[in-house]
Amino acid sequence: MNEKFLNKQSSKFFESIFISLFWILLFILPPFFQWINSVAIHWNVVFNVWVDYLPLLIVFCANRFILIRVFLFKKRYFLHIVSVTIVIALTVLGSITIRQQLVPQKIVSQHRQALLQFPDANKAVVQQGGAGGQTHIGTYPPYVNLILLSILLVGFDTGMKLSVQWAQTQRQKAEVEKENIKNELAFLRNQVSPHFLMNTLNNIHSLIDFDTIEAKRSIAKLSILMRHLLYESNEKSIPLTKEIKFIKSYVELMKLRFCEEVTIKLELPENPPNILIPPLLFTNILENAFKYGISYEHKSFVYINLLIHQNELKFTIQNSLHAKFKTAKNSGIGIENTKKRLKLLYNDNYVFTCTENENVFSSTIKIPI
């Protein structure tokens, strides 16, 4: 939440800085250009330019602080265009009216001074025109400049405001999606704990009748496993060494339940690299292998192999597949949970395959490291 707040505040801060610099430069440029082109700054000319900027500032503030919020952000696009047109029209009309009432005498006196100081230049202006000798001081009314500049300024400001709003919306969507993924991962991970606990307690229950001492040892081992499930599994990632230790403890606990008819092979790296992986990533298929691959009536096996090659981790489990378990549907829950977790964690940068070949069921997970 704090990071989201800071991102939002940063966007507003940089937007405000950009707008402030724009208007500061706009008011600084007239005296700056006069200072470059001449020795002295004619402040009367500068003030006249600044007065011309005031209607633009009014249109800008009205659009940014009122019209965009009232109409544009509420998707009332037509009303926004109409309101902007009205504001520009009223501002231009008001500017022309004020100038006609307050400035005409000043303009006339400045024009007369210009005639006295530059008679040749004014004579040349009078001589310009068409064949009929008519005088043309300008090609279009001065308020056209104000209208065009107002339209450009409103378009620029609206485009920038929409861009900032779009960026904030995309950031919010990303935050929501990230939070949803986090919640879904937590849900899928938490599903492992009760399922695992139920299976393990059933194993211990079967030991109590014929081997009390081993049952007690199993409970001690179970406490170690539950500590891993309750505490370390809440981390985003854990060292591979801890996950390997968990797998070993789980397999040892399973061995207590089964007779010598069951062959269990465990191939794990003796010196695993110091890398981090998501917790309990292999637990679902590990449980399925023991739950649906072991039969007391037939010879059964479970082969577990964890291999690290270059930048890839490969975890494979092969187990015997018996006729009575081929129609079992509950095993699909663990597989689906594993698929969802891998998809959320690695997007498409992973491999998860489940194959059935005669009486052998094999599951393989490949993830980048």
Protein backbone atom coordinates (compact mmCIF):
# COMPACT_ATOMS: atom_id res chain seq x y z
CA MET A 1 0.00 0.00 0.00
CA ASN A 2 2.85 2.41 0.85
CA GLU A 3 4.60 1.64 -2.45
CA LYS A 4 1.36 2.24 -4.34
CA PHE A 5 0.86 5.54 -2.49
CA LEU A 6 4.41 6.65 -3.27
CA ASN A 7 4.03 5.80 -6.96
CA LYS A 8 0.85 7.84 -7.15
CA GLN A 9 2.45 10.76 -5.33
CA SER A 10 5.51 10.57 -7.59
CA SER A 11 3.35 10.80 -10.71
CA LYS A 12 1.54 13.86 -9.37
CA PHE A 13 4.81 15.44 -8.26
CA PHE A 14 6.52 15.11 -11.66
CA GLU A 15 3.36 16.22 -13.44
CA SER A 16 3.19 19.35 -11.27
CA ILE A 17 6.90 20.05 -11.83
CA PHE A 18 6.48 19.73 -15.60
CA ILE A 19 3.47 22.05 -15.70
CA SER A 20 5.16 24.61 -13.46
CA LEU A 21 8.31 24.62 -15.62
CA PHE A 22 6.17 25.04 -18.74
CA TRP A 23 4.47 28.18 -17.44
CA ILE A 24 7.64 29.60 -15.91
CA LEU A 25 9.46 29.24 -19.23
CA LEU A 26 6.52 30.75 -21.08
CA PHE A 27 6.71 33.92 -18.96
CA ILE A 28 10.53 34.04 -18.93
CA LEU A 29 11.06 33.70 -22.67
CA PRO A 30 9.78 37.20 -23.75
CA PRO A 31 12.29 39.19 -21.65
CA PHE A 32 14.98 36.61 -22.38
CA PHE A 33 14.62 37.01 -26.15
CA GLN A 34 14.61 40.81 -25.82
CA TRP A 35 17.75 40.64 -23.69
CA ILE A 36 19.46 38.56 -26.40
CA ASN A 37 18.39 40.73 -29.35
CA SER A 38 18.88 44.16 -27.73
CA VAL A 39 20.78 45.84 -24.97
CA ALA A 40 17.76 46.88 -22.92
CA ILE A 41 14.51 45.04 -22.09
CA HIS A 42 11.36 46.91 -23.12
CA TRP A 43 9.16 45.98 -20.21
CA ASN A 44 6.06 47.58 -21.72
CA VAL A 45 6.28 45.10 -24.59
CA VAL A 46 6.95 42.25 -22.16
CA PHE A 47 3.93 43.18 -20.05
CA ASN A 48 1.75 43.26 -23.15
CA VAL A 49 2.88 39.71 -24.00
CA TRP A 50 2.20 38.60 -20.43
CA VAL A 51 -1.28 40.10 -20.61
CA ASP A 52 -1.84 38.02 -23.76
CA TYR A 53 -0.87 34.91 -21.77
CA LEU A 54 -3.46 35.49 -19.05
CA PRO A 55 -6.44 34.21 -21.13
CA LEU A 56 -4.40 31.09 -21.92
CA LEU A 57 -3.75 30.58 -18.21
CA ILE A 58 -7.47 30.94 -17.47
CA VAL A 59 -8.40 28.37 -20.13
CA PHE A 60 -5.68 26.01 -18.90
CA CYS A 61 -6.78 26.17 -15.24
CA ALA A 62 -10.47 25.79 -16.12
CA ASN A 63 -9.78 22.71 -18.23
CA ARG A 64 -7.28 21.04 -15.86
CA PHE A 65 -8.97 21.60 -12.51
CA ILE A 66 -12.66 21.61 -13.48
CA LEU A 67 -13.62 20.35 -16.92
CA ILE A 68 -11.37 17.29 -17.05
CA ARG A 69 -12.51 16.09 -13.62
CA VAL A 70 -16.19 16.88 -14.12
CA PHE A 71 -16.61 15.60 -17.68
CA LEU A 72 -13.61 13.80 -19.18
CA PHE A 73 -12.79 11.44 -16.29
CA LYS A 74 -16.48 10.54 -16.10
CA LYS A 75 -16.44 9.68 -19.83
CA ARG A 76 -18.68 12.58 -20.81
CA TYR A 77 -16.56 13.36 -23.85
CA PHE A 78 -19.11 15.42 -25.79
CA LEU A 79 -19.87 17.62 -22.79
CA HIS A 80 -16.14 18.12 -22.26
CA ILE A 81 -15.67 19.33 -25.85
CA VAL A 82 -18.68 21.64 -25.59
CA SER A 83 -17.57 23.07 -22.24
CA VAL A 84 -14.01 23.67 -23.49
CA THR A 85 -15.39 25.45 -26.57
CA ILE A 86 -17.57 27.67 -24.38
CA VAL A 87 -14.70 28.51 -22.01
CA ILE A 88 -12.39 29.41 -24.91
CA ALA A 89 -15.08 31.53 -26.56
CA LEU A 90 -15.92 33.40 -23.34
CA THR A 91 -12.25 33.92 -22.50
CA VAL A 92 -11.39 35.27 -25.97
CA LEU A 93 -14.47 37.51 -25.99
CA GLY A 94 -13.66 38.83 -22.53
CA SER A 95 -10.04 39.47 -23.48
CA ILE A 96 -11.03 41.41 -26.61
CA THR A 97 -13.61 43.47 -24.68
CA ILE A 98 -11.18 44.37 -21.90
CA ARG A 99 -8.48 45.37 -24.39
CA GLN A 100 -10.89 47.57 -26.34
CA GLN A 101 -11.98 49.38 -23.18
CA LEU A 102 -8.70 49.71 -21.27
CA VAL A 103 -5.86 49.64 -23.78
CA PRO A 104 -6.88 51.61 -26.91
CA GLN A 105 -5.37 54.97 -25.86
CA LYS A 106 -2.10 53.30 -24.94
CA ILE A 107 -1.94 51.53 -28.29
CA VAL A 108 -2.65 54.77 -30.20
CA SER A 109 0.04 56.68 -28.32
CA GLN A 110 2.57 53.89 -28.95
CA HIS A 111 1.60 53.88 -32.63
CA ARG A 112 2.14 57.63 -32.88
CA GLN A 113 5.56 57.34 -31.26
CA ALA A 114 6.43 54.62 -33.73
CA LEU A 115 5.41 56.88 -36.63
CA LEU A 116 7.65 59.66 -35.34
CA GLN A 117 10.64 57.36 -34.71
CA PHE A 118 10.37 55.22 -37.86
CA PRO A 119 8.65 57.28 -40.58
CA ASP A 120 10.26 55.36 -43.47
CA ALA A 121 9.19 51.97 -42.16
CA ASN A 122 5.59 53.11 -41.70
CA LYS A 123 5.56 54.67 -45.13
CA ALA A 124 6.58 51.31 -46.57
CA VAL A 125 3.75 49.63 -44.67
CA VAL A 126 1.23 52.09 -46.13
CA GLN A 127 2.53 51.48 -49.65
CA GLN A 128 1.94 47.71 -49.34
CA GLY A 129 -1.33 46.20 -50.55
CA GLY A 130 -3.15 45.27 -53.67
CA ALA A 131 -3.40 46.99 -56.99
CA GLY A 132 -5.94 49.40 -55.61
CA GLY A 133 -3.41 50.80 -53.15
CA GLN A 134 -5.37 49.65 -50.07
CA THR A 135 -3.50 49.26 -46.79
CA HIS A 136 -3.21 45.83 -45.11
CA ILE A 137 -1.75 45.91 -41.61
CA GLY A 138 -2.45 42.21 -40.89
CA THR A 139 -3.68 39.16 -42.70
CA TYR A 140 -6.02 37.88 -39.90
CA PRO A 141 -7.53 39.25 -36.68
CA PRO A 142 -5.33 39.03 -33.56
CA TYR A 143 -7.89 36.95 -31.61
CA VAL A 144 -7.32 34.05 -34.03
CA ASN A 145 -3.89 33.54 -32.47
CA LEU A 146 -5.48 33.36 -29.04
CA ILE A 147 -8.06 30.80 -30.19
CA LEU A 148 -5.45 28.59 -31.87
CA LEU A 149 -3.10 28.76 -28.89
CA SER A 150 -5.98 27.95 -26.53
CA ILE A 151 -6.96 24.90 -28.57
CA LEU A 152 -3.35 23.67 -28.72
CA LEU A 153 -2.84 24.25 -25.01
CA VAL A 154 -6.06 22.43 -24.05
CA GLY A 155 -5.20 19.53 -26.37
CA PHE A 156 -1.70 19.25 -24.94
CA ASP A 157 -2.86 19.44 -21.32
CA THR A 158 -5.73 16.99 -21.86
CA GLY A 159 -3.44 14.51 -23.60
CA MET A 160 -0.89 14.69 -20.79
CA LYS A 161 -3.58 14.33 -18.12
CA LEU A 162 -5.06 11.31 -19.88
CA SER A 163 -1.59 9.76 -20.23
CA VAL A 164 -0.91 10.15 -16.51
CA GLN A 165 -4.36 8.81 -15.66
CA TRP A 166 -3.86 5.83 -17.97
CA ALA A 167 -0.46 5.09 -16.42
CA GLN A 168 -1.99 5.19 -12.93
CA THR A 169 -4.84 2.91 -14.03
CA GLN A 170 -2.39 0.40 -15.51
CA ARG A 171 -0.33 0.51 -12.32
CA GLN A 172 -3.44 -0.11 -10.23
CA LYS A 173 -4.45 -3.04 -12.44
CA ALA A 174 -0.96 -4.50 -12.08
CA GLU A 175 -1.15 -4.11 -8.29
CA VAL A 176 -4.57 -5.79 -8.17
CA GLU A 177 -3.38 -8.63 -10.41
CA LYS A 178 -0.27 -9.05 -8.27
CA GLU A 179 -2.38 -9.16 -5.12
CA ASN A 180 -4.76 -11.70 -6.66
CA ILE A 181 -1.85 -13.92 -7.66
CA LYS A 182 -0.41 -13.63 -4.17
CA ASN A 183 -3.75 -14.59 -2.59
CA GLU A 184 -4.26 -17.50 -4.98
CA LEU A 185 -0.76 -18.81 -4.31
CA ALA A 186 -1.39 -18.60 -0.58
CA PHE A 187 -4.66 -20.49 -1.04
CA LEU A 188 -3.04 -23.24 -3.09
CA ARG A 189 -0.13 -23.52 -0.68
CA ASN A 190 -2.41 -23.69 2.34
CA GLN A 191 -4.35 -26.52 0.71
CA VAL A 192 -1.22 -28.65 0.97
CA SER A 193 -0.99 -28.49 4.77
CA PRO A 194 -4.32 -30.12 5.77
CA HIS A 195 -4.05 -32.69 2.96
CA PHE A 196 -0.52 -33.62 3.99
CA LEU A 197 -1.43 -33.71 7.69
CA MET A 198 -4.40 -35.99 7.06
CA ASN A 199 -2.30 -38.51 5.10
CA THR A 200 0.53 -38.49 7.63
CA LEU A 201 -1.81 -38.95 10.60
CA ASN A 202 -3.35 -41.93 8.83
CA ASN A 203 0.13 -43.39 8.47
CA ILE A 204 0.88 -42.90 12.17
CA HIS A 205 -2.50 -44.35 13.09
CA SER A 206 -1.62 -47.53 11.23
CA LEU A 207 1.66 -47.78 13.19
CA ILE A 208 0.11 -47.48 16.64
CA ASP A 209 -1.46 -50.96 16.52
CA PHE A 210 1.75 -52.91 15.87
CA ASP A 211 4.71 -50.60 16.69
CA THR A 212 4.16 -48.03 19.39
CA ILE A 213 7.79 -46.97 19.57
CA GLU A 214 7.95 -46.24 15.85
CA ALA A 215 4.66 -44.39 16.13
CA LYS A 216 6.20 -42.09 18.72
CA ARG A 217 9.23 -41.54 16.51
CA SER A 218 6.91 -40.78 13.64
CA ILE A 219 5.13 -38.15 15.69
CA ALA A 220 8.49 -36.51 16.44
CA LYS A 221 9.32 -36.49 12.73
CA LEU A 222 5.87 -35.17 11.96
CA SER A 223 6.46 -32.23 14.29
CA ILE A 224 9.58 -31.37 12.28
CA LEU A 225 7.64 -31.53 9.04
CA MET A 226 4.78 -29.46 10.42
CA ARG A 227 7.23 -26.80 11.52
CA HIS A 228 8.34 -26.58 7.91
CA LEU A 229 4.73 -26.43 6.71
CA LEU A 230 3.60 -23.81 9.21
CA TYR A 231 6.54 -21.44 9.22
CA GLU A 232 8.99 -21.86 6.36
CA SER A 233 6.27 -22.51 3.78
CA ASN A 234 4.93 -18.98 4.34
CA GLU A 235 8.08 -17.56 2.79
CA LYS A 236 8.09 -16.59 -0.85
CA SER A 237 11.11 -18.82 -1.43
CA ILE A 238 13.33 -21.07 0.67
CA PRO A 239 16.78 -22.62 0.19
CA LEU A 240 16.83 -25.80 -1.85
CA THR A 241 18.62 -27.53 1.02
CA LYS A 242 15.56 -27.09 3.27
CA GLU A 243 13.23 -28.48 0.64
CA ILE A 244 15.50 -31.49 0.18
CA LYS A 245 15.54 -32.04 3.94
CA PHE A 246 11.74 -31.91 3.93
CA ILE A 247 11.54 -34.51 1.14
CA LYS A 248 13.93 -36.82 2.99
CA SER A 249 11.94 -36.55 6.23
CA TYR A 250 8.69 -37.18 4.40
CA VAL A 251 10.07 -40.29 2.66
CA GLU A 252 11.44 -41.64 5.95
CA LEU A 253 8.02 -41.19 7.48
CA MET A 254 6.42 -43.05 4.60
CA LYS A 255 8.88 -45.94 4.88
CA LEU A 256 7.64 -46.70 8.38
CA ARG A 257 4.23 -47.55 7.02
CA PHE A 258 5.16 -49.88 4.20
CA CYS A 259 6.63 -53.37 4.21
CA GLU A 260 9.64 -54.65 2.34
CA GLU A 261 7.46 -55.36 -0.67
CA VAL A 262 7.59 -51.64 -1.45
CA THR A 263 10.77 -50.36 -3.13
CA ILE A 264 11.54 -46.72 -2.45
CA LYS A 265 14.52 -45.07 -4.12
CA LEU A 266 15.56 -41.52 -3.33
CA GLU A 267 18.17 -39.79 -5.47
CA LEU A 268 18.95 -36.29 -4.27
CA PRO A 269 22.07 -34.14 -4.77
CA GLU A 270 24.55 -34.54 -1.92
CA ASN A 271 25.84 -30.99 -2.22
CA PRO A 272 22.99 -28.92 -3.63
CA PRO A 273 23.78 -25.40 -4.83
CA ASN A 274 22.81 -22.41 -2.75
CA ILE A 275 19.64 -21.48 -4.63
CA LEU A 276 16.09 -20.51 -3.67
CA ILE A 277 12.90 -22.22 -4.83
CA PRO A 278 9.19 -21.85 -3.92
CA PRO A 279 8.29 -23.95 -0.86
CA LEU A 280 6.24 -27.16 -1.11
CA LEU A 281 6.43 -27.14 -4.88
CA PHE A 282 6.85 -30.93 -5.10
CA THR A 283 4.65 -31.96 -2.18
CA ASN A 284 1.45 -32.64 -4.14
CA ILE A 285 2.97 -35.08 -6.61
CA LEU A 286 5.04 -36.59 -3.80
CA GLU A 287 1.87 -37.36 -1.84
CA ASN A 288 0.10 -38.71 -4.89
CA ALA A 289 2.96 -41.11 -5.59
CA PHE A 290 2.70 -42.71 -2.14
CA LYS A 291 -1.06 -42.54 -1.90
CA TYR A 292 -1.94 -44.01 -5.30
CA GLY A 293 1.27 -45.87 -6.19
CA ILE A 294 1.46 -48.23 -3.21
CA SER A 295 -0.54 -51.42 -2.88
CA TYR A 296 -0.31 -54.00 -0.08
CA GLU A 297 -1.42 -56.74 -2.48
CA HIS A 298 1.17 -56.21 -5.20
CA LYS A 299 4.77 -55.20 -5.45
CA SER A 300 5.04 -51.47 -5.59
CA PHE A 301 7.72 -48.87 -6.05
CA VAL A 302 8.35 -45.13 -5.80
CA TYR A 303 11.42 -43.61 -7.45
CA ILE A 304 12.27 -40.01 -6.63
CA ASN A 305 14.97 -38.13 -8.48
CA LEU A 306 16.07 -34.51 -8.20
CA LEU A 307 18.64 -33.37 -10.75
CA ILE A 308 20.23 -29.97 -11.28
CA HIS A 309 21.72 -29.29 -14.68
CA GLN A 310 23.13 -25.86 -15.55
CA ASN A 311 20.24 -23.41 -15.03
CA GLU A 312 17.47 -25.98 -14.64
CA LEU A 313 16.07 -28.05 -11.80
CA LYS A 314 14.37 -31.32 -12.74
CA PHE A 315 12.25 -33.24 -10.24
CA THR A 316 10.88 -36.62 -11.32
CA ILE A 317 8.72 -39.16 -9.49
CA GLN A 318 7.86 -42.58 -10.90
CA ASN A 319 5.48 -44.89 -9.10
CA SER A 320 3.73 -48.16 -9.76
CA LEU A 321 0.21 -47.87 -11.04
CA HIS A 322 -2.32 -50.47 -9.95
CA ALA A 323 -5.68 -51.26 -11.51
CA LYS A 324 -7.76 -50.17 -8.54
CA PHE A 325 -6.15 -46.71 -8.57
CA LYS A 326 -6.40 -46.07 -12.29
CA THR A 327 -9.94 -44.75 -11.91
CA ALA A 328 -9.14 -42.62 -8.85
CA LYS A 329 -10.16 -39.01 -9.37
CA ASN A 330 -8.83 -37.48 -6.16
CA SER A 331 -5.26 -37.56 -7.46
CA GLY A 332 -6.23 -34.92 -10.01
CA ILE A 333 -6.66 -32.30 -7.28
CA GLY A 334 -2.96 -32.33 -6.38
CA ILE A 335 -1.92 -32.26 -10.02
CA GLU A 336 -4.23 -29.33 -10.81
CA ASN A 337 -2.95 -27.41 -7.79
CA THR A 338 0.62 -27.99 -8.93
CA LYS A 339 -0.22 -26.77 -12.44
CA LYS A 340 -1.84 -23.61 -11.09
CA ARG A 341 1.08 -22.82 -8.79
CA LEU A 342 3.64 -23.34 -11.56
CA LYS A 343 1.63 -21.15 -13.92
CA LEU A 344 1.36 -18.35 -11.38
CA LEU A 345 4.99 -18.58 -10.35
CA TYR A 346 6.70 -19.08 -13.71
CA ASN A 347 4.11 -18.06 -16.29
CA ASP A 348 5.16 -20.24 -19.29
CA ASN A 349 8.77 -20.73 -18.26
CA TYR A 350 8.37 -24.21 -16.82
CA VAL A 351 7.62 -27.84 -17.79
CA PHE A 352 5.16 -30.10 -15.98
CA THR A 353 4.30 -33.46 -17.47
CA CYS A 354 2.33 -36.45 -16.21
CA THR A 355 2.55 -39.66 -18.23
CA GLU A 356 1.08 -43.13 -17.79
CA ASN A 357 2.93 -46.01 -19.40
CA GLU A 358 1.51 -49.49 -18.75
CA ASN A 359 1.79 -49.85 -14.97
CA VAL A 360 4.04 -46.84 -14.37
CA PHE A 361 2.93 -43.29 -13.63
CA SER A 362 5.54 -40.55 -13.99
CA SER A 363 5.46 -36.85 -13.04
CA THR A 364 8.19 -34.38 -14.00
CA ILE A 365 8.69 -30.75 -13.03
CA LYS A 366 11.33 -28.57 -14.68
CA ILE A 367 11.88 -25.03 -13.44
CA PRO A 368 14.60 -22.42 -14.10
CA ILE A 369 17.03 -21.62 -11.31
